């Protein structure tokens, strides 16, 4: 019997983040993309339609939400990934040394921040054109472009450092641009970052958890 239940969606980048973390921490099978200790349950959430069943475990009705064997629910992706790292013995994705851990956490914050921006942007572009805020969408585009520029400068350091939760968050954020905003063509002018991301997507953990646009 599996000892964790993850409320899951194939479209959610934060779900992808925790599933990649689960694979990296040895909690899932790379080859089949199947969880060995985690049961996944398809859970539908929408900003305008809170999932009342999910709210019994996560009052904010957000994915991912992880229910432990004893019934305790934990969320969000930051907490779940740290829990997985603890189960793996610590230090797998969250470095033990303070200086390295700080870098990993900063990178995670940037990746998660990019996803927050992209998700709200995605919500805006799905509204009727007359209701969309051009000013806000321009701001979200600028934040995304500047973040990608900054990561190009950091690409060599990313490749040279131990794989961590920061790498997971940034890899997922760039992958989400491909998934929802391919028109941004973020690889143009960012050859180092593009090469790093190709290596990230080639990892078994990333290949086992690709986003799928299904209801």
N, C-alpha and C. Protein backbone atom coordinates (compact mmCIF):
# COMPACT_ATOMS: atom_id res chain seq x y z
N UNK A 1 0.85 -1.20 0.00
CA UNK A 1 0.00 0.00 0.00
C UNK A 1 0.88 1.24 0.00
N UNK A 2 0.55 2.19 -0.87
CA UNK A 2 1.33 3.41 -0.95
C UNK A 2 1.03 4.32 0.24
N UNK A 3 2.06 5.03 0.70
CA UNK A 3 1.90 5.77 1.95
C UNK A 3 1.71 7.27 1.77
N UNK A 4 1.56 7.72 0.51
CA UNK A 4 1.28 9.13 0.25
C UNK A 4 0.31 9.23 -0.90
N UNK A 5 -0.55 10.23 -0.86
CA UNK A 5 -1.48 10.50 -1.95
C UNK A 5 -1.27 11.94 -2.41
N UNK A 6 -1.00 12.09 -3.70
CA UNK A 6 -0.74 13.41 -4.26
C UNK A 6 -1.88 13.84 -5.16
N UNK A 7 -2.51 14.95 -4.82
CA UNK A 7 -3.49 15.56 -5.72
C UNK A 7 -2.71 16.14 -6.90
N UNK A 8 -3.07 15.73 -8.10
CA UNK A 8 -2.18 15.82 -9.26
C UNK A 8 -2.91 16.31 -10.50
N UNK A 9 -2.19 16.98 -11.38
CA UNK A 9 -2.70 17.38 -12.69
C UNK A 9 -1.55 17.33 -13.68
N UNK A 10 -1.78 16.84 -14.90
CA UNK A 10 -0.70 16.78 -15.88
C UNK A 10 -0.34 18.13 -16.46
N UNK A 11 -1.13 19.15 -16.15
CA UNK A 11 -0.87 20.50 -16.68
C UNK A 11 -0.16 21.40 -15.69
N UNK A 12 -0.19 21.06 -14.43
CA UNK A 12 0.33 21.94 -13.40
C UNK A 12 1.86 21.91 -13.34
N UNK A 13 2.52 23.04 -13.51
CA UNK A 13 3.99 23.05 -13.41
C UNK A 13 4.49 22.78 -11.99
N UNK A 14 3.72 23.18 -10.99
CA UNK A 14 4.15 22.91 -9.62
C UNK A 14 4.00 21.43 -9.28
N UNK A 15 3.02 20.77 -9.88
CA UNK A 15 2.93 19.32 -9.73
C UNK A 15 4.12 18.67 -10.42
N UNK A 16 4.47 19.14 -11.61
CA UNK A 16 5.64 18.59 -12.30
C UNK A 16 6.89 18.75 -11.43
N UNK A 17 7.00 19.89 -10.80
CA UNK A 17 8.16 20.15 -9.93
C UNK A 17 8.27 19.10 -8.83
N UNK A 18 7.16 18.82 -8.14
CA UNK A 18 7.25 17.87 -7.02
C UNK A 18 7.43 16.44 -7.52
N UNK A 19 6.88 16.12 -8.70
CA UNK A 19 7.07 14.78 -9.22
C UNK A 19 8.52 14.55 -9.66
N UNK A 20 9.13 15.57 -10.25
CA UNK A 20 10.56 15.46 -10.58
C UNK A 20 11.37 15.30 -9.30
N UNK A 21 11.02 16.07 -8.27
CA UNK A 21 11.71 15.94 -6.98
C UNK A 21 11.54 14.53 -6.41
N UNK A 22 10.34 13.97 -6.54
CA UNK A 22 10.10 12.61 -6.04
C UNK A 22 11.00 11.61 -6.75
N UNK A 23 11.13 11.75 -8.05
CA UNK A 23 12.01 10.86 -8.81
C UNK A 23 13.46 11.03 -8.37
N UNK A 24 13.90 12.27 -8.24
CA UNK A 24 15.28 12.53 -7.87
C UNK A 24 15.60 12.01 -6.46
N UNK A 25 14.58 11.96 -5.62
CA UNK A 25 14.76 11.48 -4.25
C UNK A 25 14.53 9.98 -4.11
N UNK A 26 14.33 9.31 -5.23
CA UNK A 26 14.18 7.86 -5.19
C UNK A 26 12.82 7.37 -4.73
N UNK A 27 11.80 8.21 -4.86
CA UNK A 27 10.46 7.83 -4.41
C UNK A 27 9.58 7.38 -5.55
N UNK A 28 10.10 7.34 -6.77
CA UNK A 28 9.32 6.94 -7.93
C UNK A 28 10.23 6.25 -8.93
N UNK A 29 9.64 5.53 -9.85
CA UNK A 29 10.41 4.75 -10.82
C UNK A 29 10.65 5.57 -12.08
N UNK A 30 11.92 5.80 -12.41
CA UNK A 30 12.24 6.60 -13.58
C UNK A 30 11.73 5.96 -14.86
N UNK A 31 11.91 4.67 -15.00
CA UNK A 31 11.68 4.03 -16.29
C UNK A 31 10.23 4.11 -16.74
N UNK A 32 9.30 3.94 -15.80
CA UNK A 32 7.90 3.87 -16.15
C UNK A 32 7.14 5.15 -15.85
N UNK A 33 7.79 6.05 -15.10
CA UNK A 33 7.08 7.25 -14.71
C UNK A 33 6.01 6.98 -13.68
N UNK A 34 6.09 5.83 -13.01
CA UNK A 34 5.09 5.45 -12.02
C UNK A 34 5.63 5.67 -10.61
N UNK A 35 4.76 6.05 -9.73
CA UNK A 35 5.16 6.26 -8.36
C UNK A 35 5.21 4.95 -7.59
N UNK A 36 6.27 4.75 -6.82
CA UNK A 36 6.39 3.55 -6.00
C UNK A 36 5.78 3.75 -4.62
N UNK A 37 5.85 4.96 -4.10
CA UNK A 37 5.32 5.23 -2.77
C UNK A 37 4.19 6.24 -2.79
N UNK A 38 3.96 6.86 -3.93
CA UNK A 38 2.99 7.94 -4.02
C UNK A 38 1.86 7.57 -4.95
N UNK A 39 0.66 7.57 -4.44
CA UNK A 39 -0.52 7.40 -5.28
C UNK A 39 -0.91 8.78 -5.81
N UNK A 40 -1.15 8.89 -7.10
CA UNK A 40 -1.57 10.16 -7.68
C UNK A 40 -3.05 10.10 -8.02
N UNK A 41 -3.76 11.16 -7.68
CA UNK A 41 -5.18 11.23 -7.99
C UNK A 41 -5.43 12.50 -8.79
N UNK A 42 -6.06 12.34 -9.94
CA UNK A 42 -6.35 13.48 -10.81
C UNK A 42 -7.34 14.40 -10.11
N UNK A 43 -6.92 15.64 -9.89
CA UNK A 43 -7.74 16.61 -9.17
C UNK A 43 -7.84 17.87 -9.99
N UNK A 44 -9.05 18.31 -10.25
CA UNK A 44 -9.28 19.49 -11.08
C UNK A 44 -9.50 20.71 -10.19
N UNK A 45 -8.71 21.75 -10.45
CA UNK A 45 -8.90 23.02 -9.74
C UNK A 45 -8.97 24.14 -10.77
N UNK A 46 -9.66 25.19 -10.42
CA UNK A 46 -9.74 26.37 -11.29
C UNK A 46 -9.86 27.59 -10.39
N UNK A 47 -9.27 28.70 -10.86
CA UNK A 47 -9.27 29.92 -10.04
C UNK A 47 -10.70 30.37 -9.71
N UNK A 48 -11.61 30.19 -10.65
CA UNK A 48 -12.98 30.66 -10.45
C UNK A 48 -13.91 29.59 -9.88
N UNK A 49 -13.42 28.34 -9.77
CA UNK A 49 -14.25 27.25 -9.25
C UNK A 49 -13.45 26.41 -8.26
N UNK A 50 -13.37 26.84 -7.01
CA UNK A 50 -12.64 26.06 -6.00
C UNK A 50 -13.19 24.64 -5.89
N UNK A 51 -12.26 23.69 -5.70
CA UNK A 51 -12.63 22.29 -5.53
C UNK A 51 -12.97 22.07 -4.05
N UNK A 52 -14.25 21.91 -3.76
CA UNK A 52 -14.68 21.84 -2.36
C UNK A 52 -14.15 20.60 -1.65
N UNK A 53 -13.95 19.51 -2.39
CA UNK A 53 -13.39 18.31 -1.77
C UNK A 53 -11.93 18.53 -1.41
N UNK A 54 -11.17 19.13 -2.33
CA UNK A 54 -9.76 19.41 -2.05
C UNK A 54 -9.62 20.40 -0.89
N UNK A 55 -10.56 21.32 -0.76
CA UNK A 55 -10.49 22.32 0.30
C UNK A 55 -10.56 21.70 1.70
N UNK A 56 -11.03 20.47 1.79
CA UNK A 56 -11.04 19.78 3.08
C UNK A 56 -9.61 19.46 3.53
N UNK A 57 -8.69 19.39 2.56
CA UNK A 57 -7.29 19.12 2.88
C UNK A 57 -6.42 20.35 2.70
N UNK A 58 -6.75 21.17 1.72
CA UNK A 58 -6.01 22.41 1.46
C UNK A 58 -7.03 23.52 1.27
N UNK A 59 -7.24 24.37 2.27
CA UNK A 59 -8.27 25.39 2.19
C UNK A 59 -8.15 26.32 0.99
N UNK A 60 -6.93 26.41 0.41
CA UNK A 60 -6.73 27.28 -0.74
C UNK A 60 -7.08 26.59 -2.06
N UNK A 61 -7.42 25.31 -2.02
CA UNK A 61 -7.81 24.56 -3.23
C UNK A 61 -6.74 24.68 -4.31
N UNK A 62 -5.51 24.32 -3.94
CA UNK A 62 -4.39 24.44 -4.88
C UNK A 62 -3.64 23.12 -5.01
N UNK A 63 -3.04 22.96 -6.17
CA UNK A 63 -2.15 21.85 -6.44
C UNK A 63 -0.71 22.33 -6.43
N UNK A 64 0.19 21.45 -5.97
CA UNK A 64 -0.02 20.11 -5.44
C UNK A 64 -0.38 20.13 -3.95
N UNK A 65 -1.12 19.13 -3.55
CA UNK A 65 -1.39 18.87 -2.13
C UNK A 65 -1.07 17.41 -1.88
N UNK A 66 -0.29 17.14 -0.84
CA UNK A 66 0.14 15.78 -0.54
C UNK A 66 -0.46 15.33 0.78
N UNK A 67 -1.19 14.20 0.77
CA UNK A 67 -1.75 13.64 1.99
C UNK A 67 -0.85 12.50 2.47
N UNK A 68 -0.40 12.58 3.70
CA UNK A 68 0.46 11.56 4.26
C UNK A 68 -0.38 10.41 4.82
N UNK A 69 0.29 9.31 5.17
CA UNK A 69 -0.41 8.10 5.60
C UNK A 69 -1.30 8.36 6.81
N UNK A 70 -0.87 9.21 7.71
CA UNK A 70 -1.65 9.48 8.91
C UNK A 70 -2.81 10.43 8.70
N UNK A 71 -2.93 10.95 7.46
CA UNK A 71 -4.02 11.86 7.15
C UNK A 71 -3.63 13.31 7.09
N UNK A 72 -2.40 13.65 7.54
CA UNK A 72 -1.93 15.03 7.48
C UNK A 72 -1.71 15.45 6.03
N UNK A 73 -2.16 16.63 5.67
CA UNK A 73 -1.93 17.16 4.33
C UNK A 73 -0.86 18.24 4.39
N UNK A 74 0.05 18.22 3.42
CA UNK A 74 1.07 19.27 3.35
C UNK A 74 1.05 19.91 1.97
N UNK A 75 1.43 21.16 1.92
CA UNK A 75 1.42 21.96 0.69
C UNK A 75 2.22 23.21 1.00
N UNK A 76 2.84 23.94 0.09
CA UNK A 76 2.77 23.81 -1.35
C UNK A 76 3.99 23.05 -1.86
N UNK A 77 4.46 23.35 -3.07
CA UNK A 77 5.57 22.59 -3.65
C UNK A 77 6.85 22.72 -2.84
N UNK A 78 7.09 23.87 -2.25
CA UNK A 78 8.32 24.08 -1.46
C UNK A 78 8.35 23.11 -0.28
N UNK A 79 7.23 23.02 0.42
CA UNK A 79 7.14 22.15 1.60
C UNK A 79 7.19 20.68 1.19
N UNK A 80 6.48 20.34 0.12
CA UNK A 80 6.46 18.94 -0.33
C UNK A 80 7.85 18.50 -0.77
N UNK A 81 8.55 19.35 -1.52
CA UNK A 81 9.89 18.98 -1.98
C UNK A 81 10.86 18.83 -0.80
N UNK A 82 10.73 19.68 0.21
CA UNK A 82 11.59 19.53 1.37
C UNK A 82 11.26 18.24 2.11
N UNK A 83 10.00 17.86 2.16
CA UNK A 83 9.60 16.61 2.78
C UNK A 83 10.21 15.42 2.04
N UNK A 84 10.16 15.45 0.72
CA UNK A 84 10.77 14.38 -0.08
C UNK A 84 12.27 14.30 0.18
N UNK A 85 12.92 15.46 0.27
CA UNK A 85 14.35 15.48 0.53
C UNK A 85 14.66 14.86 1.89
N UNK A 86 13.81 15.14 2.87
CA UNK A 86 13.99 14.56 4.20
C UNK A 86 13.85 13.04 4.15
N UNK A 87 12.84 12.56 3.39
CA UNK A 87 12.65 11.12 3.26
C UNK A 87 13.86 10.45 2.62
N UNK A 88 14.55 11.19 1.75
CA UNK A 88 15.73 10.65 1.06
C UNK A 88 16.98 10.73 1.93
N UNK A 89 16.85 11.23 3.14
CA UNK A 89 17.98 11.31 4.04
C UNK A 89 18.59 12.69 4.17
N UNK A 90 18.06 13.65 3.42
CA UNK A 90 18.58 15.01 3.48
C UNK A 90 19.78 15.23 2.59
N UNK A 91 19.83 16.39 1.96
CA UNK A 91 20.97 16.74 1.13
C UNK A 91 20.88 16.30 -0.31
N UNK A 92 19.79 15.63 -0.68
CA UNK A 92 19.64 15.19 -2.06
C UNK A 92 19.34 16.37 -2.97
N UNK A 93 18.38 17.19 -2.58
CA UNK A 93 18.02 18.36 -3.36
C UNK A 93 18.25 19.66 -2.61
N UNK A 94 18.37 19.57 -1.31
CA UNK A 94 18.63 20.75 -0.47
C UNK A 94 20.00 20.58 0.17
N UNK A 95 21.01 21.25 -0.37
CA UNK A 95 22.38 21.06 0.13
C UNK A 95 22.49 21.33 1.62
N UNK A 96 23.38 20.59 2.27
CA UNK A 96 23.57 20.74 3.72
C UNK A 96 24.37 22.00 4.04
N UNK A 97 25.38 22.30 3.23
CA UNK A 97 26.22 23.48 3.48
C UNK A 97 25.39 24.75 3.26
N UNK A 98 25.50 25.69 4.20
CA UNK A 98 24.64 26.88 4.17
C UNK A 98 24.80 27.67 2.88
N UNK A 99 26.04 27.91 2.43
CA UNK A 99 26.26 28.74 1.24
C UNK A 99 25.64 28.10 0.01
N UNK A 100 25.78 26.79 -0.13
CA UNK A 100 25.20 26.09 -1.28
C UNK A 100 23.67 26.03 -1.15
N UNK A 101 23.20 25.84 0.05
CA UNK A 101 21.75 25.78 0.28
C UNK A 101 21.11 27.12 -0.06
N UNK A 102 21.77 28.20 0.30
CA UNK A 102 21.23 29.53 0.02
C UNK A 102 21.08 29.76 -1.48
N UNK A 103 22.08 29.33 -2.24
CA UNK A 103 22.01 29.46 -3.70
C UNK A 103 20.85 28.63 -4.25
N UNK A 104 20.72 27.39 -3.75
CA UNK A 104 19.64 26.52 -4.21
C UNK A 104 18.27 27.12 -3.90
N UNK A 105 18.12 27.69 -2.71
CA UNK A 105 16.85 28.29 -2.33
C UNK A 105 16.55 29.55 -3.14
N UNK A 106 17.59 30.34 -3.43
CA UNK A 106 17.39 31.52 -4.26
C UNK A 106 16.93 31.12 -5.66
N UNK A 107 17.57 30.10 -6.21
CA UNK A 107 17.18 29.64 -7.54
C UNK A 107 15.76 29.09 -7.54
N UNK A 108 15.41 28.38 -6.47
CA UNK A 108 14.03 27.89 -6.36
C UNK A 108 13.06 29.06 -6.32
N UNK A 109 13.40 30.08 -5.58
CA UNK A 109 12.52 31.24 -5.48
C UNK A 109 12.33 31.91 -6.83
N UNK A 110 13.40 32.02 -7.60
CA UNK A 110 13.29 32.62 -8.93
C UNK A 110 12.42 31.74 -9.83
N UNK A 111 12.66 30.43 -9.84
CA UNK A 111 11.87 29.55 -10.67
C UNK A 111 10.39 29.59 -10.29
N UNK A 112 10.10 29.53 -9.00
CA UNK A 112 8.72 29.57 -8.54
C UNK A 112 8.08 30.93 -8.86
N UNK A 113 8.87 32.00 -8.72
CA UNK A 113 8.36 33.33 -9.05
C UNK A 113 8.02 33.45 -10.53
N UNK A 114 8.88 32.88 -11.37
CA UNK A 114 8.59 32.87 -12.80
C UNK A 114 7.29 32.14 -13.08
N UNK A 115 7.09 31.00 -12.42
CA UNK A 115 5.86 30.25 -12.61
C UNK A 115 4.64 31.04 -12.13
N UNK A 116 4.75 31.72 -11.01
CA UNK A 116 3.64 32.53 -10.53
C UNK A 116 3.25 33.57 -11.58
N UNK A 117 4.27 34.22 -12.15
CA UNK A 117 4.03 35.23 -13.19
C UNK A 117 3.39 34.60 -14.42
N UNK A 118 3.93 33.48 -14.86
CA UNK A 118 3.43 32.82 -16.06
C UNK A 118 2.01 32.30 -15.88
N UNK A 119 1.69 31.80 -14.70
CA UNK A 119 0.35 31.27 -14.46
C UNK A 119 -0.71 32.38 -14.46
N UNK A 120 -0.37 33.52 -13.85
CA UNK A 120 -1.35 34.61 -13.85
C UNK A 120 -1.47 35.20 -15.24
N UNK A 121 -0.37 35.20 -15.99
CA UNK A 121 -0.39 35.65 -17.38
C UNK A 121 -1.26 34.71 -18.21
N UNK A 122 -1.08 33.42 -17.99
CA UNK A 122 -1.88 32.43 -18.70
C UNK A 122 -3.37 32.64 -18.43
N UNK A 123 -3.70 32.92 -17.19
CA UNK A 123 -5.09 33.18 -16.86
C UNK A 123 -5.64 34.40 -17.58
N UNK A 124 -4.80 35.40 -17.71
CA UNK A 124 -5.23 36.64 -18.37
C UNK A 124 -5.50 36.42 -19.86
N UNK A 125 -4.63 35.68 -20.54
CA UNK A 125 -4.79 35.51 -21.98
C UNK A 125 -5.97 34.60 -22.33
N UNK A 126 -6.49 33.87 -21.35
CA UNK A 126 -7.66 33.04 -21.62
C UNK A 126 -8.97 33.81 -21.42
N UNK A 127 -8.87 35.04 -20.94
CA UNK A 127 -10.06 35.87 -20.80
C UNK A 127 -10.45 36.45 -22.16
N UNK A 128 -11.68 36.91 -22.33
CA UNK A 128 -12.06 37.57 -23.59
C UNK A 128 -11.13 38.76 -23.86
N UNK A 129 -10.73 38.97 -25.11
CA UNK A 129 -9.77 40.03 -25.44
C UNK A 129 -10.13 41.40 -24.86
N UNK A 130 -11.41 41.73 -24.87
CA UNK A 130 -11.83 43.05 -24.39
C UNK A 130 -11.59 43.23 -22.89
N UNK A 131 -11.45 42.11 -22.17
CA UNK A 131 -11.26 42.18 -20.73
C UNK A 131 -9.80 42.05 -20.31
N UNK A 132 -8.93 41.82 -21.25
CA UNK A 132 -7.52 41.61 -20.93
C UNK A 132 -6.82 42.95 -20.66
N UNK A 133 -5.86 42.90 -19.73
CA UNK A 133 -5.08 44.09 -19.39
C UNK A 133 -3.75 44.05 -20.13
N UNK A 134 -3.62 44.88 -21.15
CA UNK A 134 -2.38 44.93 -21.93
C UNK A 134 -1.22 45.37 -21.04
N UNK A 135 -1.49 46.32 -20.16
CA UNK A 135 -0.44 46.84 -19.28
C UNK A 135 0.14 45.73 -18.40
N UNK A 136 -0.74 44.93 -17.83
CA UNK A 136 -0.27 43.85 -16.97
C UNK A 136 0.48 42.79 -17.78
N UNK A 137 -0.02 42.46 -18.95
CA UNK A 137 0.64 41.44 -19.77
C UNK A 137 2.02 41.92 -20.23
N UNK A 138 2.15 43.19 -20.48
CA UNK A 138 3.48 43.73 -20.82
C UNK A 138 4.44 43.62 -19.64
N UNK A 139 3.92 43.85 -18.44
CA UNK A 139 4.75 43.74 -17.24
C UNK A 139 5.18 42.29 -17.02
N UNK A 140 4.27 41.33 -17.22
CA UNK A 140 4.61 39.92 -17.04
C UNK A 140 5.61 39.45 -18.09
N UNK A 141 5.48 39.96 -19.31
CA UNK A 141 6.43 39.61 -20.36
C UNK A 141 7.82 40.15 -20.00
N UNK A 142 7.87 41.39 -19.50
CA UNK A 142 9.15 41.99 -19.12
C UNK A 142 9.81 41.19 -18.01
N UNK A 143 9.05 40.83 -16.97
CA UNK A 143 9.61 40.04 -15.87
C UNK A 143 10.17 38.71 -16.37
N UNK A 144 9.45 38.08 -17.27
CA UNK A 144 9.89 36.80 -17.80
C UNK A 144 11.16 36.96 -18.63
N UNK A 145 11.18 37.96 -19.49
CA UNK A 145 12.36 38.18 -20.34
C UNK A 145 13.60 38.52 -19.51
N UNK A 146 13.44 39.36 -18.51
CA UNK A 146 14.57 39.75 -17.66
C UNK A 146 15.07 38.54 -16.87
N UNK A 147 14.16 37.70 -16.42
CA UNK A 147 14.56 36.49 -15.69
C UNK A 147 15.37 35.56 -16.58
N UNK A 148 14.93 35.38 -17.81
CA UNK A 148 15.67 34.52 -18.75
C UNK A 148 17.04 35.12 -19.04
N UNK A 149 17.12 36.43 -19.19
CA UNK A 149 18.41 37.09 -19.40
C UNK A 149 19.35 36.82 -18.23
N UNK A 150 18.82 36.92 -17.01
CA UNK A 150 19.64 36.70 -15.82
C UNK A 150 20.11 35.25 -15.76
N UNK A 151 19.28 34.34 -16.16
CA UNK A 151 19.65 32.92 -16.13
C UNK A 151 20.70 32.59 -17.18
N UNK A 152 20.69 33.29 -18.29
CA UNK A 152 21.75 33.08 -19.29
C UNK A 152 23.11 33.42 -18.67
N UNK A 153 23.14 34.46 -17.85
CA UNK A 153 24.39 34.84 -17.18
C UNK A 153 24.80 33.81 -16.14
N UNK A 154 23.84 33.07 -15.64
CA UNK A 154 24.12 32.10 -14.58
C UNK A 154 24.22 30.67 -15.10
N UNK A 155 24.06 30.50 -16.40
CA UNK A 155 23.97 29.15 -16.97
C UNK A 155 25.21 28.31 -16.69
N UNK A 156 26.38 28.90 -16.81
CA UNK A 156 27.62 28.14 -16.54
C UNK A 156 27.65 27.65 -15.10
N UNK A 157 27.27 28.53 -14.17
CA UNK A 157 27.25 28.17 -12.76
C UNK A 157 26.20 27.10 -12.48
N UNK A 158 25.07 27.18 -13.16
CA UNK A 158 24.04 26.15 -13.01
C UNK A 158 24.58 24.78 -13.41
N UNK A 159 25.25 24.76 -14.54
CA UNK A 159 25.77 23.48 -15.02
C UNK A 159 26.87 22.92 -14.16
N UNK A 160 27.63 23.79 -13.50
CA UNK A 160 28.78 23.35 -12.71
C UNK A 160 28.41 22.97 -11.28
N UNK A 161 27.25 23.39 -10.82
CA UNK A 161 26.87 23.15 -9.42
C UNK A 161 26.09 21.85 -9.28
N UNK A 162 26.10 21.32 -8.04
CA UNK A 162 25.37 20.09 -7.74
C UNK A 162 23.88 20.29 -8.01
N UNK A 163 23.26 19.29 -8.64
CA UNK A 163 21.84 19.36 -8.96
C UNK A 163 21.04 19.52 -7.67
N UNK A 164 20.12 20.48 -7.67
CA UNK A 164 19.39 20.82 -6.45
C UNK A 164 17.96 21.21 -6.77
N UNK A 165 17.23 21.56 -5.73
CA UNK A 165 15.86 22.01 -5.91
C UNK A 165 15.80 23.26 -6.76
N UNK A 166 16.87 24.06 -6.74
CA UNK A 166 16.92 25.25 -7.60
C UNK A 166 16.92 24.88 -9.06
N UNK A 167 17.68 23.84 -9.42
CA UNK A 167 17.71 23.37 -10.80
C UNK A 167 16.33 22.86 -11.22
N UNK A 168 15.66 22.15 -10.31
CA UNK A 168 14.33 21.64 -10.62
C UNK A 168 13.37 22.78 -10.91
N UNK A 169 13.33 23.77 -10.04
CA UNK A 169 12.38 24.88 -10.19
C UNK A 169 12.65 25.66 -11.47
N UNK A 170 13.91 25.93 -11.77
CA UNK A 170 14.24 26.70 -12.97
C UNK A 170 13.96 25.89 -14.22
N UNK A 171 14.30 24.61 -14.20
CA UNK A 171 14.03 23.77 -15.36
C UNK A 171 12.54 23.68 -15.66
N UNK A 172 11.73 23.55 -14.62
CA UNK A 172 10.28 23.47 -14.80
C UNK A 172 9.73 24.80 -15.32
N UNK A 173 10.25 25.91 -14.81
CA UNK A 173 9.78 27.23 -15.26
C UNK A 173 10.06 27.43 -16.75
N UNK A 174 11.25 27.10 -17.18
CA UNK A 174 11.58 27.23 -18.60
C UNK A 174 10.74 26.29 -19.44
N UNK A 175 10.50 25.09 -18.92
CA UNK A 175 9.65 24.15 -19.63
C UNK A 175 8.22 24.64 -19.75
N UNK A 176 7.76 25.37 -18.75
CA UNK A 176 6.40 25.89 -18.80
C UNK A 176 6.27 26.99 -19.85
N UNK A 177 7.35 27.76 -20.06
CA UNK A 177 7.32 28.73 -21.15
C UNK A 177 7.11 28.00 -22.47
N UNK A 178 7.84 26.90 -22.67
CA UNK A 178 7.66 26.10 -23.89
C UNK A 178 6.22 25.59 -24.00
N UNK A 179 5.65 25.18 -22.88
CA UNK A 179 4.33 24.56 -22.85
C UNK A 179 3.22 25.56 -23.16
N UNK A 180 3.29 26.74 -22.56
CA UNK A 180 2.19 27.70 -22.68
C UNK A 180 2.53 28.96 -23.48
N UNK A 181 3.80 29.30 -23.60
CA UNK A 181 4.19 30.53 -24.30
C UNK A 181 5.31 30.28 -25.31
N UNK A 182 5.14 29.32 -26.22
CA UNK A 182 6.21 29.04 -27.18
C UNK A 182 6.56 30.22 -28.06
N UNK A 183 5.61 31.14 -28.22
CA UNK A 183 5.86 32.32 -29.05
C UNK A 183 6.96 33.21 -28.49
N UNK A 184 7.29 33.05 -27.21
CA UNK A 184 8.36 33.87 -26.61
C UNK A 184 9.74 33.48 -27.15
N UNK A 185 9.89 32.24 -27.63
CA UNK A 185 11.15 31.78 -28.22
C UNK A 185 12.34 32.16 -27.33
N UNK A 186 12.24 31.72 -26.08
CA UNK A 186 13.22 32.17 -25.08
C UNK A 186 14.64 31.72 -25.38
N UNK A 187 14.81 30.69 -26.18
CA UNK A 187 16.17 30.20 -26.47
C UNK A 187 16.98 31.15 -27.34
N UNK A 188 16.28 31.99 -28.11
CA UNK A 188 16.98 32.92 -28.99
C UNK A 188 17.79 33.91 -28.16
N UNK A 189 19.07 33.96 -28.42
CA UNK A 189 19.96 34.85 -27.67
C UNK A 189 20.40 34.30 -26.34
N UNK A 190 20.03 33.07 -26.03
CA UNK A 190 20.38 32.46 -24.75
C UNK A 190 20.94 31.05 -24.97
N UNK A 191 22.05 30.94 -25.69
CA UNK A 191 22.57 29.61 -26.05
C UNK A 191 23.03 28.77 -24.86
N UNK A 192 23.63 29.41 -23.87
CA UNK A 192 24.11 28.66 -22.70
C UNK A 192 22.94 28.09 -21.91
N UNK A 193 21.94 28.91 -21.71
CA UNK A 193 20.77 28.48 -20.96
C UNK A 193 20.02 27.39 -21.72
N UNK A 194 19.93 27.55 -23.05
CA UNK A 194 19.26 26.53 -23.87
C UNK A 194 19.96 25.18 -23.74
N UNK A 195 21.30 25.21 -23.74
CA UNK A 195 22.05 23.95 -23.60
C UNK A 195 21.84 23.34 -22.22
N UNK A 196 21.84 24.18 -21.19
CA UNK A 196 21.60 23.66 -19.84
C UNK A 196 20.20 23.05 -19.75
N UNK A 197 19.21 23.72 -20.31
CA UNK A 197 17.84 23.22 -20.21
C UNK A 197 17.66 21.92 -20.99
N UNK A 198 18.35 21.78 -22.10
CA UNK A 198 18.28 20.52 -22.85
C UNK A 198 18.79 19.37 -22.00
N UNK A 199 19.87 19.62 -21.25
CA UNK A 199 20.40 18.58 -20.35
C UNK A 199 19.41 18.29 -19.23
N UNK A 200 18.75 19.31 -18.73
CA UNK A 200 17.74 19.12 -17.68
C UNK A 200 16.60 18.24 -18.19
N UNK A 201 16.08 18.57 -19.36
CA UNK A 201 14.94 17.82 -19.89
C UNK A 201 15.32 16.39 -20.27
N UNK A 202 16.62 16.13 -20.42
CA UNK A 202 17.08 14.77 -20.75
C UNK A 202 17.19 13.88 -19.52
N UNK A 203 17.11 14.46 -18.32
CA UNK A 203 17.18 13.67 -17.11
C UNK A 203 15.97 12.72 -17.04
N UNK A 204 16.15 11.50 -16.57
CA UNK A 204 15.02 10.57 -16.47
C UNK A 204 13.84 11.13 -15.68
N UNK A 205 14.14 11.89 -14.64
CA UNK A 205 13.06 12.44 -13.81
C UNK A 205 12.21 13.43 -14.59
N UNK A 206 12.84 14.24 -15.45
CA UNK A 206 12.10 15.21 -16.25
C UNK A 206 11.35 14.52 -17.38
N UNK A 207 11.98 13.54 -18.01
CA UNK A 207 11.34 12.83 -19.12
C UNK A 207 10.12 12.04 -18.65
N UNK A 208 10.17 11.58 -17.42
CA UNK A 208 9.03 10.82 -16.88
C UNK A 208 7.86 11.69 -16.48
N UNK A 209 8.06 13.01 -16.48
CA UNK A 209 7.02 13.93 -16.01
C UNK A 209 6.90 15.12 -16.96
N UNK A 210 6.50 14.86 -18.18
CA UNK A 210 6.30 15.93 -19.14
C UNK A 210 4.87 16.46 -19.04
N UNK A 211 4.69 17.76 -19.22
CA UNK A 211 3.32 18.32 -19.13
C UNK A 211 2.46 17.87 -20.28
N UNK A 212 1.19 17.68 -20.00
CA UNK A 212 0.21 17.26 -21.01
C UNK A 212 -1.00 18.18 -20.89
N UNK A 213 -1.45 18.72 -22.01
CA UNK A 213 -2.58 19.64 -21.98
C UNK A 213 -3.88 18.86 -22.17
N UNK A 214 -4.34 18.30 -21.08
CA UNK A 214 -5.61 17.56 -21.11
C UNK A 214 -6.51 18.09 -20.02
N UNK A 215 -7.83 17.91 -20.17
CA UNK A 215 -8.78 18.46 -19.18
C UNK A 215 -8.52 17.91 -17.77
